[in-house]
């Protein structure tokens, strides 16, 4: 019976060791939470997807209103949130704003959530 108890204790120690070593600092977690908060709205996720799929890797605000069925001021509000989160970049051309994915933004999110596991 003592062999079973010893095996369970060793397994529990190994299992819990990685939980005690966070892969993100508090500041990193707060930063990532802000980005995910911007993505918590389905319209913003759709807008990001539309921009990612756009020809030339950018989209004019005028081309984003129709697919999401919202007015230009509402889409501009959502785009402001995505820009503030660092997910997209904005360029003003005359009276129209053009958006493109921020380089590496989605890769950085993915990397933060798939940090190497301890061996």
PDB file of N, CA and C in Angstrom:
ATOM      1  N   UNK A   1       0.817  -1.180   0.000  1.00  0.00           N
ATOM      2  CA  UNK A   1       0.000   0.000   0.000  1.00  0.00           C
ATOM      3  C   UNK A   1       0.867   1.252   0.000  1.00  0.00           C
ATOM      4  N   UNK A   2       2.002   1.214   0.637  1.00  0.00           N
ATOM      5  CA  UNK A   2       2.876   2.382   0.683  1.00  0.00           C
ATOM      6  C   UNK A   2       3.449   2.697  -0.697  1.00  0.00           C
ATOM      7  N   UNK A   3       3.626   1.715  -1.577  1.00  0.00           N
ATOM      8  CA  UNK A   3       4.122   1.946  -2.926  1.00  0.00           C
ATOM      9  C   UNK A   3       3.125   2.780  -3.719  1.00  0.00           C
ATOM     10  N   UNK A   4       1.832   2.492  -3.592  1.00  0.00           N
ATOM     11  CA  UNK A   4       0.791   3.245  -4.280  1.00  0.00           C
ATOM     12  C   UNK A   4       0.771   4.686  -3.798  1.00  0.00           C
ATOM     13  N   UNK A   5       0.869   4.897  -2.520  1.00  0.00           N
ATOM     14  CA  UNK A   5       0.870   6.245  -1.957  1.00  0.00           C
ATOM     15  C   UNK A   5       2.071   7.028  -2.467  1.00  0.00           C
ATOM     16  N   UNK A   6       3.233   6.398  -2.518  1.00  0.00           N
ATOM     17  CA  UNK A   6       4.444   7.049  -2.992  1.00  0.00           C
ATOM     18  C   UNK A   6       4.295   7.437  -4.462  1.00  0.00           C
ATOM     19  N   UNK A   7       3.738   6.567  -5.275  1.00  0.00           N
ATOM     20  CA  UNK A   7       3.557   6.850  -6.698  1.00  0.00           C
ATOM     21  C   UNK A   7       2.593   8.016  -6.897  1.00  0.00           C
ATOM     22  N   UNK A   8       1.530   8.056  -6.126  1.00  0.00           N
ATOM     23  CA  UNK A   8       0.575   9.153  -6.247  1.00  0.00           C
ATOM     24  C   UNK A   8       1.202  10.481  -5.847  1.00  0.00           C
ATOM     25  N   UNK A   9       1.981  10.492  -4.789  1.00  0.00           N
ATOM     26  CA  UNK A   9       2.640  11.722  -4.353  1.00  0.00           C
ATOM     27  C   UNK A   9       3.651  12.215  -5.390  1.00  0.00           C
ATOM     28  N   UNK A  10       4.389  11.337  -5.993  1.00  0.00           N
ATOM     29  CA  UNK A  10       5.370  11.722  -7.011  1.00  0.00           C
ATOM     30  C   UNK A  10       4.652  12.287  -8.226  1.00  0.00           C
ATOM     31  N   UNK A  11       3.548  11.655  -8.602  1.00  0.00           N
ATOM     32  CA  UNK A  11       2.782  12.128  -9.752  1.00  0.00           C
ATOM     33  C   UNK A  11       2.186  13.500  -9.483  1.00  0.00           C
ATOM     34  N   UNK A  12       1.663  13.712  -8.287  1.00  0.00           N
ATOM     35  CA  UNK A  12       1.067  14.999  -7.933  1.00  0.00           C
ATOM     36  C   UNK A  12       2.111  16.099  -7.936  1.00  0.00           C
ATOM     37  N   UNK A  13       3.304  15.812  -7.471  1.00  0.00           N
ATOM     38  CA  UNK A  13       4.371  16.801  -7.451  1.00  0.00           C
ATOM     39  C   UNK A  13       4.752  17.200  -8.868  1.00  0.00           C
ATOM     40  N   UNK A  14       4.890  16.236  -9.746  1.00  0.00           N
ATOM     41  CA  UNK A  14       5.247  16.506 -11.131  1.00  0.00           C
ATOM     42  C   UNK A  14       4.145  17.302 -11.825  1.00  0.00           C
ATOM     43  N   UNK A  15       2.916  16.932 -11.579  1.00  0.00           N
ATOM     44  CA  UNK A  15       1.784  17.590 -12.215  1.00  0.00           C
ATOM     45  C   UNK A  15       1.681  19.052 -11.800  1.00  0.00           C
ATOM     46  N   UNK A  16       1.847  19.345 -10.550  1.00  0.00           N
ATOM     47  CA  UNK A  16       1.623  20.697 -10.033  1.00  0.00           C
ATOM     48  C   UNK A  16       2.815  21.622 -10.180  1.00  0.00           C
ATOM     49  N   UNK A  17       3.976  21.114 -10.505  1.00  0.00           N
ATOM     50  CA  UNK A  17       5.167  21.954 -10.590  1.00  0.00           C
ATOM     51  C   UNK A  17       4.999  23.046 -11.642  1.00  0.00           C
ATOM     52  N   UNK A  18       4.430  22.734 -12.808  1.00  0.00           N
ATOM     53  CA  UNK A  18       4.298  23.735 -13.862  1.00  0.00           C
ATOM     54  C   UNK A  18       3.269  24.802 -13.508  1.00  0.00           C
ATOM     55  N   UNK A  19       2.273  24.488 -12.691  1.00  0.00           N
ATOM     56  CA  UNK A  19       1.270  25.460 -12.290  1.00  0.00           C
ATOM     57  C   UNK A  19       1.891  26.548 -11.418  1.00  0.00           C
ATOM     58  N   UNK A  20       2.915  26.199 -10.678  1.00  0.00           N
ATOM     59  CA  UNK A  20       3.562  27.142  -9.780  1.00  0.00           C
ATOM     60  C   UNK A  20       4.527  28.073 -10.503  1.00  0.00           C
ATOM     61  N   UNK A  21       4.767  27.841 -11.790  1.00  0.00           N
ATOM     62  CA  UNK A  21       5.680  28.650 -12.563  1.00  0.00           C
ATOM     63  C   UNK A  21       4.924  29.276 -13.740  1.00  0.00           C
ATOM     64  N   UNK A  22       4.357  30.481 -13.551  1.00  0.00           N
ATOM     65  CA  UNK A  22       3.580  31.096 -14.632  1.00  0.00           C
ATOM     66  C   UNK A  22       4.455  31.445 -15.833  1.00  0.00           C
ATOM     67  N   UNK A  23       3.916  31.291 -17.019  1.00  0.00           N
ATOM     68  CA  UNK A  23       4.673  31.627 -18.219  1.00  0.00           C
ATOM     69  C   UNK A  23       4.519  33.100 -18.573  1.00  0.00           C
ATOM     70  N   UNK A  24       3.555  33.788 -17.967  1.00  0.00           N
ATOM     71  CA  UNK A  24       3.333  35.211 -18.214  1.00  0.00           C
ATOM     72  C   UNK A  24       3.487  35.995 -16.916  1.00  0.00           C
ATOM     73  N   UNK A  25       4.092  37.156 -17.015  1.00  0.00           N
ATOM     74  CA  UNK A  25       4.150  38.030 -15.851  1.00  0.00           C
ATOM     75  C   UNK A  25       2.779  38.701 -15.685  1.00  0.00           C
ATOM     76  N   UNK A  26       2.579  39.351 -14.573  1.00  0.00           N
ATOM     77  CA  UNK A  26       1.319  40.071 -14.334  1.00  0.00           C
ATOM     78  C   UNK A  26       1.108  41.154 -15.386  1.00  0.00           C
ATOM     79  N   UNK A  27       2.161  41.904 -15.706  1.00  0.00           N
ATOM     80  CA  UNK A  27       2.055  42.969 -16.714  1.00  0.00           C
ATOM     81  C   UNK A  27       1.711  42.398 -18.086  1.00  0.00           C
ATOM     82  N   UNK A  28       2.329  41.280 -18.445  1.00  0.00           N
ATOM     83  CA  UNK A  28       2.018  40.644 -19.730  1.00  0.00           C
ATOM     84  C   UNK A  28       0.573  40.173 -19.767  1.00  0.00           C
ATOM     85  N   UNK A  29       0.103  39.606 -18.679  1.00  0.00           N
ATOM     86  CA  UNK A  29      -1.279  39.124 -18.621  1.00  0.00           C
ATOM     87  C   UNK A  29      -2.270  40.272 -18.748  1.00  0.00           C
ATOM     88  N   UNK A  30      -1.980  41.395 -18.099  1.00  0.00           N
ATOM     89  CA  UNK A  30      -2.855  42.571 -18.195  1.00  0.00           C
ATOM     90  C   UNK A  30      -2.885  43.088 -19.629  1.00  0.00           C
ATOM     91  N   UNK A  31      -1.713  43.142 -20.257  1.00  0.00           N
ATOM     92  CA  UNK A  31      -1.627  43.602 -21.646  1.00  0.00           C
ATOM     93  C   UNK A  31      -2.435  42.687 -22.581  1.00  0.00           C
ATOM     94  N   UNK A  32      -2.232  41.376 -22.440  1.00  0.00           N
ATOM     95  CA  UNK A  32      -2.959  40.422 -23.278  1.00  0.00           C
ATOM     96  C   UNK A  32      -4.460  40.473 -23.025  1.00  0.00           C
ATOM     97  N   UNK A  33      -4.864  40.668 -21.795  1.00  0.00           N
ATOM     98  CA  UNK A  33      -6.290  40.761 -21.478  1.00  0.00           C
ATOM     99  C   UNK A  33      -6.923  41.948 -22.199  1.00  0.00           C
ATOM    100  N   UNK A  34      -6.190  43.056 -22.302  1.00  0.00           N
ATOM    101  CA  UNK A  34      -6.693  44.216 -23.042  1.00  0.00           C
ATOM    102  C   UNK A  34      -6.904  43.903 -24.511  1.00  0.00           C
ATOM    103  N   UNK A  35      -5.998  43.151 -25.081  1.00  0.00           N
ATOM    104  CA  UNK A  35      -6.132  42.768 -26.484  1.00  0.00           C
ATOM    105  C   UNK A  35      -7.326  41.829 -26.655  1.00  0.00           C
ATOM    106  N   UNK A  36      -7.440  40.851 -25.777  1.00  0.00           N
ATOM    107  CA  UNK A  36      -8.565  39.925 -25.881  1.00  0.00           C
ATOM    108  C   UNK A  36      -9.894  40.620 -25.603  1.00  0.00           C
ATOM    109  N   UNK A  37      -9.872  41.652 -24.783  1.00  0.00           N
ATOM    110  CA  UNK A  37     -11.093  42.426 -24.545  1.00  0.00           C
ATOM    111  C   UNK A  37     -11.543  43.091 -25.845  1.00  0.00           C
ATOM    112  N   UNK A  38     -10.588  43.605 -26.618  1.00  0.00           N
ATOM    113  CA  UNK A  38     -10.928  44.195 -27.915  1.00  0.00           C
ATOM    114  C   UNK A  38     -11.515  43.142 -28.852  1.00  0.00           C
ATOM    115  N   UNK A  39     -11.075  41.908 -28.713  1.00  0.00           N
ATOM    116  CA  UNK A  39     -11.574  40.823 -29.561  1.00  0.00           C
ATOM    117  C   UNK A  39     -12.816  40.141 -28.992  1.00  0.00           C
ATOM    118  N   UNK A  40     -13.309  40.608 -27.862  1.00  0.00           N
ATOM    119  CA  UNK A  40     -14.469  39.956 -27.248  1.00  0.00           C
ATOM    120  C   UNK A  40     -15.779  40.312 -27.941  1.00  0.00           C
ATOM    121  N   UNK A  41     -15.742  41.238 -28.859  1.00  0.00           N
ATOM    122  CA  UNK A  41     -16.934  41.631 -29.606  1.00  0.00           C
ATOM    123  C   UNK A  41     -16.941  40.909 -30.955  1.00  0.00           C
ATOM    124  N   UNK A  42     -18.003  40.194 -31.287  1.00  0.00           N
ATOM    125  CA  UNK A  42     -18.042  39.439 -32.546  1.00  0.00           C
ATOM    126  C   UNK A  42     -17.859  40.323 -33.785  1.00  0.00           C
ATOM    127  N   UNK A  43     -18.352  41.546 -33.743  1.00  0.00           N
ATOM    128  CA  UNK A  43     -18.178  42.449 -34.884  1.00  0.00           C
ATOM    129  C   UNK A  43     -16.706  42.748 -35.106  1.00  0.00           C
ATOM    130  N   UNK A  44     -15.965  42.941 -34.047  1.00  0.00           N
ATOM    131  CA  UNK A  44     -14.533  43.233 -34.178  1.00  0.00           C
ATOM    132  C   UNK A  44     -13.773  42.032 -34.728  1.00  0.00           C
ATOM    133  N   UNK A  45     -14.179  40.854 -34.322  1.00  0.00           N
ATOM    134  CA  UNK A  45     -13.547  39.648 -34.865  1.00  0.00           C
ATOM    135  C   UNK A  45     -13.831  39.561 -36.363  1.00  0.00           C
ATOM    136  N   UNK A  46     -15.065  39.851 -36.763  1.00  0.00           N
ATOM    137  CA  UNK A  46     -15.416  39.834 -38.190  1.00  0.00           C
ATOM    138  C   UNK A  46     -14.628  40.883 -38.958  1.00  0.00           C
ATOM    139  N   UNK A  47     -14.509  42.084 -38.389  1.00  0.00           N
ATOM    140  CA  UNK A  47     -13.754  43.143 -39.055  1.00  0.00           C
ATOM    141  C   UNK A  47     -12.299  42.739 -39.244  1.00  0.00           C
ATOM    142  N   UNK A  48     -11.718  42.152 -38.232  1.00  0.00           N
ATOM    143  CA  UNK A  48     -10.334  41.685 -38.325  1.00  0.00           C
ATOM    144  C   UNK A  48     -10.196  40.632 -39.420  1.00  0.00           C
ATOM    145  N   UNK A  49     -11.171  39.742 -39.494  1.00  0.00           N
ATOM    146  CA  UNK A  49     -11.169  38.701 -40.517  1.00  0.00           C
ATOM    147  C   UNK A  49     -11.305  39.298 -41.919  1.00  0.00           C
ATOM    148  N   UNK A  50     -12.159  40.296 -42.064  1.00  0.00           N
ATOM    149  CA  UNK A  50     -12.338  40.959 -43.357  1.00  0.00           C
ATOM    150  C   UNK A  50     -11.050  41.630 -43.813  1.00  0.00           C
ATOM    151  N   UNK A  51     -10.368  42.274 -42.897  1.00  0.00           N
ATOM    152  CA  UNK A  51      -9.115  42.944 -43.246  1.00  0.00           C
ATOM    153  C   UNK A  51      -8.056  41.918 -43.624  1.00  0.00           C
ATOM    154  N   UNK A  52      -7.981  40.831 -42.879  1.00  0.00           N
ATOM    155  CA  UNK A  52      -6.995  39.776 -43.173  1.00  0.00           C
ATOM    156  C   UNK A  52      -7.223  39.165 -44.548  1.00  0.00           C
ATOM    157  N   UNK A  53      -8.476  39.103 -44.976  1.00  0.00           N
ATOM    158  CA  UNK A  53      -8.803  38.483 -46.253  1.00  0.00           C
ATOM    159  C   UNK A  53      -8.836  39.474 -47.417  1.00  0.00           C
ATOM    160  N   UNK A  54      -8.684  40.759 -47.136  1.00  0.00           N
ATOM    161  CA  UNK A  54      -8.804  41.786 -48.170  1.00  0.00           C
ATOM    162  C   UNK A  54      -7.649  41.736 -49.160  1.00  0.00           C
ATOM    163  N   UNK A  55      -7.975  42.078 -50.411  1.00  0.00           N
ATOM    164  CA  UNK A  55      -6.945  42.177 -51.441  1.00  0.00           C
ATOM    165  C   UNK A  55      -5.970  43.281 -51.055  1.00  0.00           C
ATOM    166  N   UNK A  56      -4.703  43.029 -51.233  1.00  0.00           N
ATOM    167  CA  UNK A  56      -3.697  44.015 -50.888  1.00  0.00           C
ATOM    168  C   UNK A  56      -3.444  44.120 -49.400  1.00  0.00           C
ATOM    169  N   UNK A  57      -4.025  43.224 -48.632  1.00  0.00           N
ATOM    170  CA  UNK A  57      -3.828  43.167 -47.180  1.00  0.00           C
ATOM    171  C   UNK A  57      -4.283  44.428 -46.449  1.00  0.00           C
ATOM    172  N   UNK A  58      -5.213  45.178 -47.041  1.00  0.00           N
ATOM    173  CA  UNK A  58      -5.765  46.340 -46.369  1.00  0.00           C
ATOM    174  C   UNK A  58      -7.197  46.559 -46.837  1.00  0.00           C
ATOM    175  N   UNK A  59      -7.954  47.283 -46.028  1.00  0.00           N
ATOM    176  CA  UNK A  59      -9.346  47.552 -46.372  1.00  0.00           C
ATOM    177  C   UNK A  59      -9.700  48.982 -45.992  1.00  0.00           C
ATOM    178  N   UNK A  60     -10.481  49.601 -46.841  1.00  0.00           N
ATOM    179  CA  UNK A  60     -10.991  50.940 -46.581  1.00  0.00           C
ATOM    180  C   UNK A  60     -12.199  50.820 -45.662  1.00  0.00           C
ATOM    181  N   UNK A  61     -12.360  51.795 -44.799  1.00  0.00           N
ATOM    182  CA  UNK A  61     -13.519  51.791 -43.900  1.00  0.00           C
ATOM    183  C   UNK A  61     -14.814  51.702 -44.708  1.00  0.00           C
ATOM    184  N   UNK A  62     -14.816  52.284 -45.896  1.00  0.00           N
ATOM    185  CA  UNK A  62     -16.023  52.270 -46.731  1.00  0.00           C
ATOM    186  C   UNK A  62     -16.381  50.857 -47.190  1.00  0.00           C
ATOM    187  N   UNK A  63     -15.392  49.966 -47.237  1.00  0.00           N
ATOM    188  CA  UNK A  63     -15.636  48.582 -47.646  1.00  0.00           C
ATOM    189  C   UNK A  63     -15.990  47.669 -46.478  1.00  0.00           C
ATOM    190  N   UNK A  64     -15.868  48.160 -45.264  1.00  0.00           N
ATOM    191  CA  UNK A  64     -16.130  47.330 -44.087  1.00  0.00           C
ATOM    192  C   UNK A  64     -17.548  47.472 -43.554  1.00  0.00           C
ATOM    193  N   UNK A  65     -18.233  48.546 -43.902  1.00  0.00           N
ATOM    194  CA  UNK A  65     -19.562  48.778 -43.331  1.00  0.00           C
ATOM    195  C   UNK A  65     -20.602  47.792 -43.856  1.00  0.00           C
ATOM    196  N   UNK A  66     -20.601  47.548 -45.150  1.00  0.00           N
ATOM    197  CA  UNK A  66     -21.593  46.654 -45.760  1.00  0.00           C
ATOM    198  C   UNK A  66     -21.572  45.240 -45.207  1.00  0.00           C
ATOM    199  N   UNK A  67     -20.412  44.585 -45.189  1.00  0.00           N
ATOM    200  CA  UNK A  67     -20.374  43.194 -44.722  1.00  0.00           C
ATOM    201  C   UNK A  67     -20.832  42.999 -43.275  1.00  0.00           C
ATOM    202  N   UNK A  68     -20.638  43.989 -42.417  1.00  0.00           N
ATOM    203  CA  UNK A  68     -21.055  43.826 -41.027  1.00  0.00           C
ATOM    204  C   UNK A  68     -22.426  44.463 -40.758  1.00  0.00           C
ATOM    205  N   UNK A  69     -22.961  45.180 -41.761  1.00  0.00           N
ATOM    206  CA  UNK A  69     -24.306  45.739 -41.638  1.00  0.00           C
ATOM    207  C   UNK A  69     -24.426  46.854 -40.609  1.00  0.00           C
ATOM    208  N   UNK A  70     -23.358  47.622 -40.437  1.00  0.00           N
ATOM    209  CA  UNK A  70     -23.368  48.712 -39.463  1.00  0.00           C
ATOM    210  C   UNK A  70     -23.019  50.025 -40.150  1.00  0.00           C
ATOM    211  N   UNK A  71     -23.362  51.119 -39.511  1.00  0.00           N
ATOM    212  CA  UNK A  71     -23.065  52.440 -40.068  1.00  0.00           C
ATOM    213  C   UNK A  71     -21.563  52.722 -39.980  1.00  0.00           C
ATOM    214  N   UNK A  72     -21.126  53.681 -40.774  1.00  0.00           N
ATOM    215  CA  UNK A  72     -19.705  54.031 -40.792  1.00  0.00           C
ATOM    216  C   UNK A  72     -19.216  54.514 -39.428  1.00  0.00           C
ATOM    217  N   UNK A  73     -19.975  55.357 -38.697  1.00  0.00           N
ATOM    218  CA  UNK A  73     -19.487  55.756 -37.372  1.00  0.00           C
ATOM    219  C   UNK A  73     -19.338  54.577 -36.402  1.00  0.00           C
ATOM    220  N   UNK A  74     -20.233  53.610 -36.481  1.00  0.00           N
ATOM    221  CA  UNK A  74     -20.144  52.443 -35.596  1.00  0.00           C
ATOM    222  C   UNK A  74     -18.938  51.580 -35.950  1.00  0.00           C
ATOM    223  N   UNK A  75     -18.708  51.379 -37.236  1.00  0.00           N
ATOM    224  CA  UNK A  75     -17.539  50.602 -37.668  1.00  0.00           C
ATOM    225  C   UNK A  75     -16.262  51.353 -37.278  1.00  0.00           C
ATOM    226  N   UNK A  76     -16.265  52.665 -37.411  1.00  0.00           N
ATOM    227  CA  UNK A  76     -15.096  53.462 -37.001  1.00  0.00           C
ATOM    228  C   UNK A  76     -14.814  53.297 -35.507  1.00  0.00           C
ATOM    229  N   UNK A  77     -15.864  53.233 -34.715  1.00  0.00           N
ATOM    230  CA  UNK A  77     -15.698  53.008 -33.269  1.00  0.00           C
ATOM    231  C   UNK A  77     -15.017  51.660 -33.013  1.00  0.00           C
ATOM    232  N   UNK A  78     -15.499  50.621 -33.685  1.00  0.00           N
ATOM    233  CA  UNK A  78     -14.900  49.292 -33.516  1.00  0.00           C
ATOM    234  C   UNK A  78     -13.448  49.284 -33.996  1.00  0.00           C
ATOM    235  N   UNK A  79     -13.180  49.970 -35.092  1.00  0.00           N
ATOM    236  CA  UNK A  79     -11.818  50.004 -35.617  1.00  0.00           C
ATOM    237  C   UNK A  79     -10.890  50.775 -34.683  1.00  0.00           C
ATOM    238  N   UNK A  80     -11.425  51.786 -34.012  1.00  0.00           N
ATOM    239  CA  UNK A  80     -10.627  52.529 -33.036  1.00  0.00           C
ATOM    240  C   UNK A  80     -10.186  51.608 -31.899  1.00  0.00           C
ATOM    241  N   UNK A  81     -11.086  50.724 -31.453  1.00  0.00           N
ATOM    242  CA  UNK A  81     -10.757  49.759 -30.397  1.00  0.00           C
ATOM    243  C   UNK A  81      -9.680  48.772 -30.860  1.00  0.00           C
ATOM    244  N   UNK A  82      -9.806  48.297 -32.101  1.00  0.00           N
ATOM    245  CA  UNK A  82      -8.815  47.354 -32.632  1.00  0.00           C
ATOM    246  C   UNK A  82      -7.459  48.033 -32.820  1.00  0.00           C
ATOM    247  N   UNK A  83      -7.469  49.293 -33.210  1.00  0.00           N
ATOM    248  CA  UNK A  83      -6.233  50.047 -33.378  1.00  0.00           C
ATOM    249  C   UNK A  83      -5.569  50.273 -32.022  1.00  0.00           C
ATOM    250  N   UNK A  84      -6.353  50.678 -31.031  1.00  0.00           N
ATOM    251  CA  UNK A  84      -5.819  50.915 -29.681  1.00  0.00           C
ATOM    252  C   UNK A  84      -5.225  49.641 -29.084  1.00  0.00           C
ATOM    253  N   UNK A  85      -5.785  48.492 -29.435  1.00  0.00           N
ATOM    254  CA  UNK A  85      -5.277  47.212 -28.934  1.00  0.00           C
ATOM    255  C   UNK A  85      -4.018  46.765 -29.672  1.00  0.00           C
ATOM    256  N   UNK A  86      -3.662  47.473 -30.736  1.00  0.00           N
ATOM    257  CA  UNK A  86      -2.466  47.129 -31.488  1.00  0.00           C
ATOM    258  C   UNK A  86      -2.662  46.021 -32.497  1.00  0.00           C
ATOM    259  N   UNK A  87      -3.915  45.716 -32.822  1.00  0.00           N
ATOM    260  CA  UNK A  87      -4.193  44.638 -33.766  1.00  0.00           C
ATOM    261  C   UNK A  87      -4.189  45.111 -35.214  1.00  0.00           C
ATOM    262  N   UNK A  88      -4.540  46.365 -35.439  1.00  0.00           N
ATOM    263  CA  UNK A  88      -4.546  46.923 -36.792  1.00  0.00           C
ATOM    264  C   UNK A  88      -3.825  48.264 -36.798  1.00  0.00           C
ATOM    265  N   UNK A  89      -3.399  48.653 -37.987  1.00  0.00           N
ATOM    266  CA  UNK A  89      -2.803  49.971 -38.201  1.00  0.00           C
ATOM    267  C   UNK A  89      -3.716  50.755 -39.123  1.00  0.00           C
ATOM    268  N   UNK A  90      -3.778  52.057 -38.897  1.00  0.00           N
ATOM    269  CA  UNK A  90      -4.678  52.938 -39.652  1.00  0.00           C
ATOM    270  C   UNK A  90      -3.855  53.924 -40.457  1.00  0.00           C
ATOM    271  N   UNK A  91      -4.289  54.150 -41.697  1.00  0.00           N
ATOM    272  CA  UNK A  91      -3.660  55.164 -42.544  1.00  0.00           C
ATOM    273  C   UNK A  91      -4.762  56.003 -43.167  1.00  0.00           C
ATOM    274  N   UNK A  92      -4.670  57.304 -42.987  1.00  0.00           N
ATOM    275  CA  UNK A  92      -5.645  58.231 -43.550  1.00  0.00           C
ATOM    276  C   UNK A  92      -5.221  58.594 -44.965  1.00  0.00           C
ATOM    277  N   UNK A  93      -6.132  58.433 -45.919  1.00  0.00           N
ATOM    278  CA  UNK A  93      -5.889  58.814 -47.316  1.00  0.00           C
ATOM    279  C   UNK A  93      -7.058  59.686 -47.752  1.00  0.00           C
ATOM    280  N   UNK A  94      -6.824  60.967 -47.752  1.00  0.00           N
ATOM    281  CA  UNK A  94      -7.914  61.894 -48.059  1.00  0.00           C
ATOM    282  C   UNK A  94      -8.966  61.790 -46.980  1.00  0.00           C
ATOM    283  N   UNK A  95     -10.201  61.531 -47.388  1.00  0.00           N
ATOM    284  CA  UNK A  95     -11.270  61.429 -46.399  1.00  0.00           C
ATOM    285  C   UNK A  95     -11.522  60.005 -45.910  1.00  0.00           C
ATOM    286  N   UNK A  96     -10.793  59.032 -46.443  1.00  0.00           N
ATOM    287  CA  UNK A  96     -11.009  57.637 -46.065  1.00  0.00           C
ATOM    288  C   UNK A  96      -9.863  57.089 -45.231  1.00  0.00           C
ATOM    289  N   UNK A  97     -10.217  56.229 -44.292  1.00  0.00           N
ATOM    290  CA  UNK A  97      -9.225  55.532 -43.478  1.00  0.00           C
ATOM    291  C   UNK A  97      -9.058  54.113 -44.013  1.00  0.00           C
ATOM    292  N   UNK A  98      -7.816  53.691 -44.102  1.00  0.00           N
ATOM    293  CA  UNK A  98      -7.494  52.338 -44.548  1.00  0.00           C
ATOM    294  C   UNK A  98      -6.846  51.597 -43.373  1.00  0.00           C
ATOM    295  N   UNK A  99      -7.181  50.325 -43.264  1.00  0.00           N
ATOM    296  CA  UNK A  99      -6.685  49.510 -42.154  1.00  0.00           C
ATOM    297  C   UNK A  99      -5.983  48.277 -42.683  1.00  0.00           C
ATOM    298  N   UNK A 100      -4.936  47.899 -41.956  1.00  0.00           N
ATOM    299  CA  UNK A 100      -4.226  46.653 -42.246  1.00  0.00           C
ATOM    300  C   UNK A 100      -3.876  46.005 -40.910  1.00  0.00           C
ATOM    301  N   UNK A 101      -3.674  44.696 -40.931  1.00  0.00           N
ATOM    302  CA  UNK A 101      -3.261  44.008 -39.705  1.00  0.00           C
ATOM    303  C   UNK A 101      -1.904  44.542 -39.275  1.00  0.00           C
ATOM    304  N   UNK A 102      -1.732  44.752 -37.998  1.00  0.00           N
ATOM    305  CA  UNK A 102      -0.430  45.162 -37.473  1.00  0.00           C
ATOM    306  C   UNK A 102       0.532  43.996 -37.633  1.00  0.00           C
ATOM    307  N   UNK A 103       1.727  44.252 -38.149  1.00  0.00           N
ATOM    308  CA  UNK A 103       2.674  43.154 -38.362  1.00  0.00           C
ATOM    309  C   UNK A 103       2.936  42.374 -37.071  1.00  0.00           C
ATOM    310  N   UNK A 104       2.747  41.079 -37.162  1.00  0.00           N
ATOM    311  CA  UNK A 104       3.050  40.189 -36.048  1.00  0.00           C
ATOM    312  C   UNK A 104       2.038  40.180 -34.910  1.00  0.00           C
ATOM    313  N   UNK A 105       0.989  40.990 -34.973  1.00  0.00           N
ATOM    314  CA  UNK A 105       0.047  41.083 -33.852  1.00  0.00           C
ATOM    315  C   UNK A 105      -0.608  39.739 -33.536  1.00  0.00           C
ATOM    316  N   UNK A 106      -1.094  39.060 -34.553  1.00  0.00           N
ATOM    317  CA  UNK A 106      -1.760  37.778 -34.310  1.00  0.00           C
ATOM    318  C   UNK A 106      -0.752  36.692 -33.941  1.00  0.00           C
ATOM    319  N   UNK A 107       0.434  36.762 -34.523  1.00  0.00           N
ATOM    320  CA  UNK A 107       1.487  35.807 -34.164  1.00  0.00           C
ATOM    321  C   UNK A 107       1.894  35.974 -32.700  1.00  0.00           C
ATOM    322  N   UNK A 108       1.966  37.220 -32.244  1.00  0.00           N
ATOM    323  CA  UNK A 108       2.326  37.474 -30.846  1.00  0.00           C
ATOM    324  C   UNK A 108       1.276  36.918 -29.890  1.00  0.00           C
ATOM    325  N   UNK A 109      -0.010  37.062 -30.248  1.00  0.00           N
ATOM    326  CA  UNK A 109      -1.072  36.491 -29.405  1.00  0.00           C
ATOM    327  C   UNK A 109      -0.940  34.976 -29.331  1.00  0.00           C
ATOM    328  N   UNK A 110      -0.744  34.377 -30.469  1.00  0.00           N
ATOM    329  CA  UNK A 110      -0.608  32.923 -30.522  1.00  0.00           C
ATOM    330  C   UNK A 110       0.611  32.459 -29.722  1.00  0.00           C
ATOM    331  N   UNK A 111       1.722  33.147 -29.869  1.00  0.00           N
ATOM    332  CA  UNK A 111       2.944  32.761 -29.159  1.00  0.00           C
ATOM    333  C   UNK A 111       2.783  32.892 -27.654  1.00  0.00           C
ATOM    334  N   UNK A 112       2.065  33.910 -27.216  1.00  0.00           N
ATOM    335  CA  UNK A 112       1.864  34.112 -25.773  1.00  0.00           C
ATOM    336  C   UNK A 112       1.053  32.982 -25.155  1.00  0.00           C
ATOM    337  N   UNK A 113       0.167  32.397 -25.931  1.00  0.00           N
ATOM    338  CA  UNK A 113      -0.687  31.333 -25.409  1.00  0.00           C
ATOM    339  C   UNK A 113      -0.122  29.947 -25.620  1.00  0.00           C
ATOM    340  N   UNK A 114       0.907  29.843 -26.435  1.00  0.00           N
ATOM    341  CA  UNK A 114       1.518  28.540 -26.703  1.00  0.00           C
ATOM    342  C   UNK A 114       2.984  28.556 -26.322  1.00  0.00           C
ATOM    343  N   UNK A 115       3.272  29.136 -25.173  1.00  0.00           N
ATOM    344  CA  UNK A 115       4.658  29.187 -24.688  1.00  0.00           C
ATOM    345  C   UNK A 115       5.189  27.781 -24.521  1.00  0.00           C
ATOM    346  N   UNK A 116       6.485  27.599 -24.685  1.00  0.00           N
ATOM    347  CA  UNK A 116       7.066  26.260 -24.524  1.00  0.00           C
ATOM    348  C   UNK A 116       6.757  25.695 -23.129  1.00  0.00           C
ATOM    349  N   UNK A 117       6.443  24.434 -23.097  1.00  0.00           N
ATOM    350  CA  UNK A 117       6.141  23.761 -21.834  1.00  0.00           C
ATOM    351  C   UNK A 117       7.426  23.211 -21.234  1.00  0.00           C
ATOM    352  N   UNK A 118       7.516  23.253 -19.904  1.00  0.00           N
ATOM    353  CA  UNK A 118       8.706  22.680 -19.258  1.00  0.00           C
ATOM    354  C   UNK A 118       8.773  21.175 -19.496  1.00  0.00           C
ATOM    355  N   UNK A 119       9.977  20.688 -19.599  1.00  0.00           N
ATOM    356  CA  UNK A 119      10.149  19.242 -19.862  1.00  0.00           C
ATOM    357  C   UNK A 119      10.346  18.479 -18.605  1.00  0.00           C
TER     358      UNK A 119
END
